[in-house]
Protein backbone atom coordinates (compact mmCIF):
# COMPACT_ATOMS: atom_id res chain seq x y z
CA MET A 1 77.37 33.10 -1.01
CA ASN A 2 75.11 33.26 -4.07
CA GLU A 3 73.52 36.71 -4.30
CA SER A 4 71.95 36.32 -7.75
CA ILE A 5 68.65 35.67 -5.97
CA LEU A 6 67.45 37.24 -2.73
CA VAL A 7 64.82 35.68 -0.45
CA LYS A 8 62.76 37.29 2.29
CA ILE A 9 60.06 35.54 4.33
CA GLU A 10 57.56 37.79 6.06
CA ASN A 11 53.85 37.51 6.90
CA LYS A 12 53.84 33.90 5.57
CA VAL A 13 55.01 35.20 2.17
CA ALA A 14 58.34 34.29 0.56
CA THR A 15 59.52 37.06 -1.75
CA ILE A 16 62.04 35.77 -4.28
CA THR A 17 63.93 38.57 -6.04
CA LEU A 18 66.01 37.95 -9.15
CA ASN A 19 69.12 39.99 -8.38
CA ARG A 20 71.27 40.57 -11.44
CA PRO A 21 70.08 44.13 -12.18
CA LYS A 22 73.09 45.07 -14.31
CA ALA A 23 72.15 42.19 -16.65
CA PHE A 24 68.41 43.03 -16.39
CA ASN A 25 68.05 39.92 -14.22
CA SER A 26 68.79 37.62 -17.15
CA PHE A 27 69.44 34.00 -16.26
CA ASN A 28 72.79 32.33 -16.16
CA ARG A 29 73.26 28.76 -14.98
CA GLU A 30 73.97 29.74 -11.39
CA MET A 31 70.77 31.77 -11.08
CA ALA A 32 68.61 29.15 -12.80
CA LEU A 33 69.78 26.36 -10.51
CA SER A 34 69.50 28.62 -7.47
CA LEU A 35 65.88 29.49 -8.30
CA GLN A 36 65.00 25.80 -8.51
CA SER A 37 66.56 25.16 -5.11
CA ILE A 38 64.77 28.13 -3.55
CA LEU A 39 61.41 27.05 -4.96
CA ASP A 40 61.98 23.59 -3.48
CA GLU A 41 62.71 25.14 -0.09
CA CYS A 42 59.58 27.29 -0.27
CA GLU A 43 57.49 24.26 -1.13
CA THR A 44 58.49 22.39 2.02
CA ASN A 45 58.71 25.36 4.40
CA ASP A 46 55.56 25.47 6.55
CA GLU A 47 56.21 29.17 7.27
CA VAL A 48 55.63 29.94 3.58
CA ARG A 49 52.01 29.97 2.38
CA ALA A 50 52.42 32.19 -0.69
CA ILE A 51 55.31 33.10 -2.98
CA VAL A 52 56.15 36.31 -4.84
CA LEU A 53 58.62 36.26 -7.74
CA THR A 54 59.99 39.65 -8.79
CA GLY A 55 63.11 41.39 -10.07
CA GLU A 56 65.59 43.90 -8.70
CA GLY A 57 66.04 47.21 -10.50
CA LYS A 58 64.42 48.24 -13.77
CA ALA A 59 63.67 44.78 -15.16
CA PHE A 60 61.72 41.72 -14.10
CA CYS A 61 63.79 39.35 -16.22
CA ALA A 62 65.30 39.67 -19.69
CA GLY A 63 65.41 35.90 -20.22
CA GLN A 64 68.62 34.10 -21.01
CA ASP A 65 71.94 35.87 -20.49
CA LEU A 66 73.26 35.90 -24.07
CA LYS A 67 76.79 36.53 -22.83
CA GLU A 68 76.72 33.04 -21.32
CA VAL A 69 75.53 31.30 -24.51
CA THR A 70 78.05 33.15 -26.69
CA ASP A 71 81.02 32.47 -24.41
CA PRO A 72 82.90 29.37 -25.69
CA GLU A 73 83.93 28.42 -22.15
CA LEU A 74 80.72 29.16 -20.26
CA ASN A 75 78.07 28.14 -22.82
CA PRO A 76 76.20 25.10 -21.48
CA GLY A 77 74.35 24.61 -24.81
CA PHE A 78 70.65 25.00 -25.47
CA LYS A 79 69.74 21.40 -24.62
CA LYS A 80 71.27 21.76 -21.18
CA ILE A 81 69.77 25.22 -20.71
CA LEU A 82 66.26 23.96 -21.45
CA ASP A 83 66.49 20.52 -19.82
CA GLU A 84 68.28 21.70 -16.67
CA HIS A 85 67.31 25.38 -16.34
CA TYR A 86 63.98 26.56 -17.73
CA ASN A 87 61.90 23.39 -18.04
CA PRO A 88 62.47 22.43 -14.38
CA ILE A 89 61.65 26.00 -13.29
CA ILE A 90 58.33 25.95 -15.17
CA SER A 91 57.49 22.48 -13.80
CA ARG A 92 58.18 23.60 -10.25
CA ILE A 93 56.05 26.74 -10.60
CA ARG A 94 53.07 24.72 -11.80
CA LYS A 95 53.45 21.81 -9.36
CA ILE A 96 54.00 23.74 -6.14
CA GLU A 97 50.68 23.71 -4.29
CA LYS A 98 51.23 27.20 -2.88
CA PRO A 99 50.05 30.26 -4.86
CA ILE A 100 52.78 32.07 -6.79
CA ILE A 101 52.50 35.72 -7.79
CA ALA A 102 54.68 37.12 -10.57
CA ALA A 103 55.24 40.76 -9.61
CA VAL A 104 56.50 42.14 -12.92
CA ASN A 105 58.30 45.37 -12.08
CA GLY A 106 59.82 46.04 -15.51
CA VAL A 107 60.50 44.37 -18.84
CA ALA A 108 59.80 40.63 -19.00
CA ALA A 109 61.37 39.27 -22.15
CA GLY A 110 61.85 35.83 -23.66
CA ALA A 111 62.06 33.14 -20.98
CA GLY A 112 61.52 35.88 -18.41
CA ALA A 113 58.10 36.66 -19.86
CA ASN A 114 57.12 33.00 -20.02
CA ILE A 115 58.24 32.27 -16.46
CA ALA A 116 55.98 35.13 -15.35
CA LEU A 117 53.04 33.80 -17.38
CA ALA A 118 53.45 30.35 -15.81
CA CYS A 119 52.76 31.81 -12.36
CA ASP A 120 49.29 31.68 -10.80
CA VAL A 121 48.67 35.43 -10.67
CA VAL A 122 50.57 38.01 -12.72
CA ILE A 123 50.51 41.64 -11.60
CA ALA A 124 52.61 44.27 -13.39
CA ASP A 125 53.34 47.93 -12.90
CA GLU A 126 52.18 50.24 -15.66
CA LYS A 127 55.74 50.74 -16.98
CA ALA A 128 56.35 46.99 -17.33
CA SER A 129 56.25 45.23 -20.68
CA PHE A 130 56.18 41.72 -22.12
CA ILE A 131 57.98 40.58 -25.25
CA GLN A 132 58.40 37.22 -26.95
CA ALA A 133 61.88 38.22 -28.07
CA PHE A 134 62.97 34.83 -29.42
CA SER A 135 62.21 35.36 -33.11
CA LEU A 136 64.17 38.61 -33.12
CA ILE A 137 67.40 36.62 -32.79
CA GLY A 138 66.31 33.57 -34.78
CA LEU A 139 64.98 31.38 -31.97
CA VAL A 140 61.60 29.90 -31.06
CA PRO A 141 59.67 30.47 -27.79
CA ASP A 142 60.56 28.15 -24.94
CA SER A 143 59.79 27.96 -21.21
CA ALA A 144 56.21 26.89 -22.07
CA GLY A 145 55.48 30.06 -24.02
CA THR A 146 53.79 28.09 -26.78
CA PHE A 147 51.73 26.28 -24.13
CA PHE A 148 50.45 29.08 -21.92
CA LEU A 149 50.31 32.09 -24.25
CA PRO A 150 47.73 30.71 -26.74
CA ARG A 151 45.60 29.53 -23.82
CA LEU A 152 45.74 32.98 -22.25
CA ILE A 153 45.12 35.20 -25.28
CA GLY A 154 44.09 32.90 -28.14
CA PHE A 155 45.95 31.05 -30.90
CA GLN A 156 46.08 33.81 -33.54
CA LYS A 157 47.22 36.58 -31.20
CA ALA A 158 49.78 34.37 -29.49
CA GLN A 159 51.33 33.14 -32.73
CA ALA A 160 51.54 36.69 -34.08
CA LEU A 161 53.30 37.92 -30.94
CA ALA A 162 55.69 34.97 -31.09
CA MET A 163 56.54 35.65 -34.74
CA LEU A 164 56.64 39.45 -34.67
CA GLY A 165 58.24 39.92 -31.26
CA ASP A 166 56.03 42.91 -30.45
CA LYS A 167 56.54 44.63 -27.11
CA ILE A 168 53.28 44.60 -25.16
CA SER A 169 52.65 47.13 -22.40
CA SER A 170 51.25 45.89 -19.11
CA GLU A 171 48.01 47.75 -19.84
CA GLU A 172 47.68 45.96 -23.19
CA ALA A 173 48.57 42.67 -21.50
CA GLU A 174 45.75 43.10 -19.00
CA LYS A 175 43.23 44.01 -21.70
CA MET A 176 44.05 40.92 -23.75
CA GLY A 177 43.88 38.61 -20.73
CA MET A 178 47.61 37.87 -20.63
CA ILE A 179 47.94 39.05 -17.02
CA TYR A 180 45.66 39.62 -14.03
CA LYS A 181 46.25 43.31 -13.47
CA SER A 182 48.31 46.36 -14.45
CA VAL A 183 48.70 48.95 -11.68
CA PRO A 184 50.26 52.41 -11.34
CA VAL A 185 53.94 52.35 -10.39
CA GLU A 186 53.35 54.20 -7.12
CA GLU A 187 50.76 51.60 -6.03
CA PHE A 188 52.65 48.52 -7.24
CA ASP A 189 54.56 47.45 -4.12
CA GLU A 190 51.57 47.93 -1.83
CA MET A 191 49.27 46.06 -4.22
CA VAL A 192 51.66 43.12 -4.48
CA SER A 193 52.06 42.96 -0.70
CA LYS A 194 48.30 43.07 -0.06
CA LEU A 195 47.61 40.43 -2.69
CA ALA A 196 50.33 38.10 -1.38
CA ILE A 197 49.21 38.44 2.24
CA LYS A 198 45.60 37.87 1.21
CA LEU A 199 46.52 34.63 -0.58
CA ALA A 200 48.74 33.50 2.30
CA ASN A 201 45.80 33.84 4.72
CA MET A 202 43.28 32.09 2.48
CA PRO A 203 42.54 28.33 2.63
CA THR A 204 45.73 27.37 0.80
CA LYS A 205 44.73 23.69 0.78
CA ALA A 206 41.88 24.65 -1.56
CA LEU A 207 44.14 26.98 -3.57
CA GLY A 208 46.50 24.08 -4.21
CA LEU A 209 43.60 21.92 -5.39
CA ILE A 210 42.38 24.76 -7.65
CA LYS A 211 45.86 24.87 -9.17
CA GLU A 212 45.75 21.12 -9.76
CA LEU A 213 42.36 21.44 -11.47
CA PHE A 214 43.50 24.21 -13.80
CA ASN A 215 46.68 22.27 -14.66
CA SER A 216 44.59 19.22 -15.53
CA SER A 217 42.10 21.26 -17.55
CA MET A 218 44.85 21.87 -20.13
CA THR A 219 44.63 18.26 -21.33
CA ASN A 220 41.49 16.68 -19.82
CA THR A 221 38.25 15.97 -21.64
CA LEU A 222 35.08 17.46 -20.15
CA ASP A 223 34.16 14.15 -18.53
CA GLN A 224 37.64 13.74 -17.09
CA GLN A 225 37.55 17.26 -15.69
CA LEU A 226 34.11 16.77 -14.13
CA ALA A 227 35.34 13.59 -12.46
CA LEU A 228 38.44 15.35 -11.13
CA GLU A 229 36.36 18.27 -9.84
CA SER A 230 34.21 15.80 -7.94
CA LYS A 231 37.24 14.00 -6.50
CA LEU A 232 39.01 17.16 -5.39
CA GLN A 233 35.84 18.78 -4.07
CA ILE A 234 35.40 15.80 -1.74
CA GLU A 235 39.05 16.21 -0.68
CA ALA A 236 38.54 19.94 -0.07
CA ALA A 237 35.34 19.29 1.89
CA SER A 238 37.23 17.01 4.26
CA SER A 239 39.85 19.67 5.08
CA ASN A 240 40.14 21.58 8.33
CA ASP A 241 40.05 24.81 6.31
CA TYR A 242 36.58 23.97 4.99
CA ALA A 243 35.32 23.21 8.49
CA GLU A 244 36.79 26.49 9.74
CA GLY A 245 35.37 28.45 6.79
CA VAL A 246 31.84 27.15 7.33
CA THR A 247 32.01 27.62 11.10
CA ALA A 248 33.30 31.18 10.73
CA PHE A 249 30.54 31.97 8.22
CA ILE A 250 27.83 30.71 10.59
CA GLU A 251 29.39 32.52 13.54
CA LYS A 252 29.81 35.71 11.47
CA ARG A 253 33.54 36.02 12.21
CA LYS A 254 36.73 36.12 10.22
CA PRO A 255 38.07 32.60 9.50
CA ASN A 256 41.52 31.51 10.64
CA PHE A 257 42.75 29.19 7.90
CA LYS A 258 45.77 26.92 8.52
CA GLY A 259 46.23 25.45 5.05
CA ASN A 260 45.23 21.90 5.90
């Protein structure tokens, strides 16, 4: 049984925990392929309406396990690592219509940082940190770091962090718009749980369409984006969740959204 990743489904939330704490939850091939499979299962499981990605122990994820890439027998090579490990993980995170929270409980470095930043909502405890560690060992950012980071914090700041490899505290990350929120350690677990349950009980059909719109906004022209907003708004307006939301508003009661 593969125990490099743990999964728990509760209150319509799937909590995916990277579970290689002795290696600071760094990725080897087994864990990378397992995460892809688990994300696929969460996508098709009707019991799952929101996903939390976090790490076991003191780290969220330290990126690639360097012991694997320096072992002559185990090393899959960087092309395979990117084409078969990280790129498919990032694509899945962005294409899954369900909201994904990155609950960053410790250091998020290299690919680990960029996997977190690809998620829909990033919440970190106050002792967590983010570091584009690639340049420190002679590499370049991957896992969509050069795509998301400049869009989150601006071109100049992102390029400087990528080149210098500065460690950024979660408080700094929140201030610069890299993440949604930094919270005290003692409040972290409760905050993550409340946020995940809130998302799971929202109109997830609309949340999926919002995700599609923000994905498209990365490359669309203004006119293209306006047209897509119109198209998806019509789709959202025809959903059962919209009908329930409006009815509940008129009746002054709490809505019961089903995600369709």
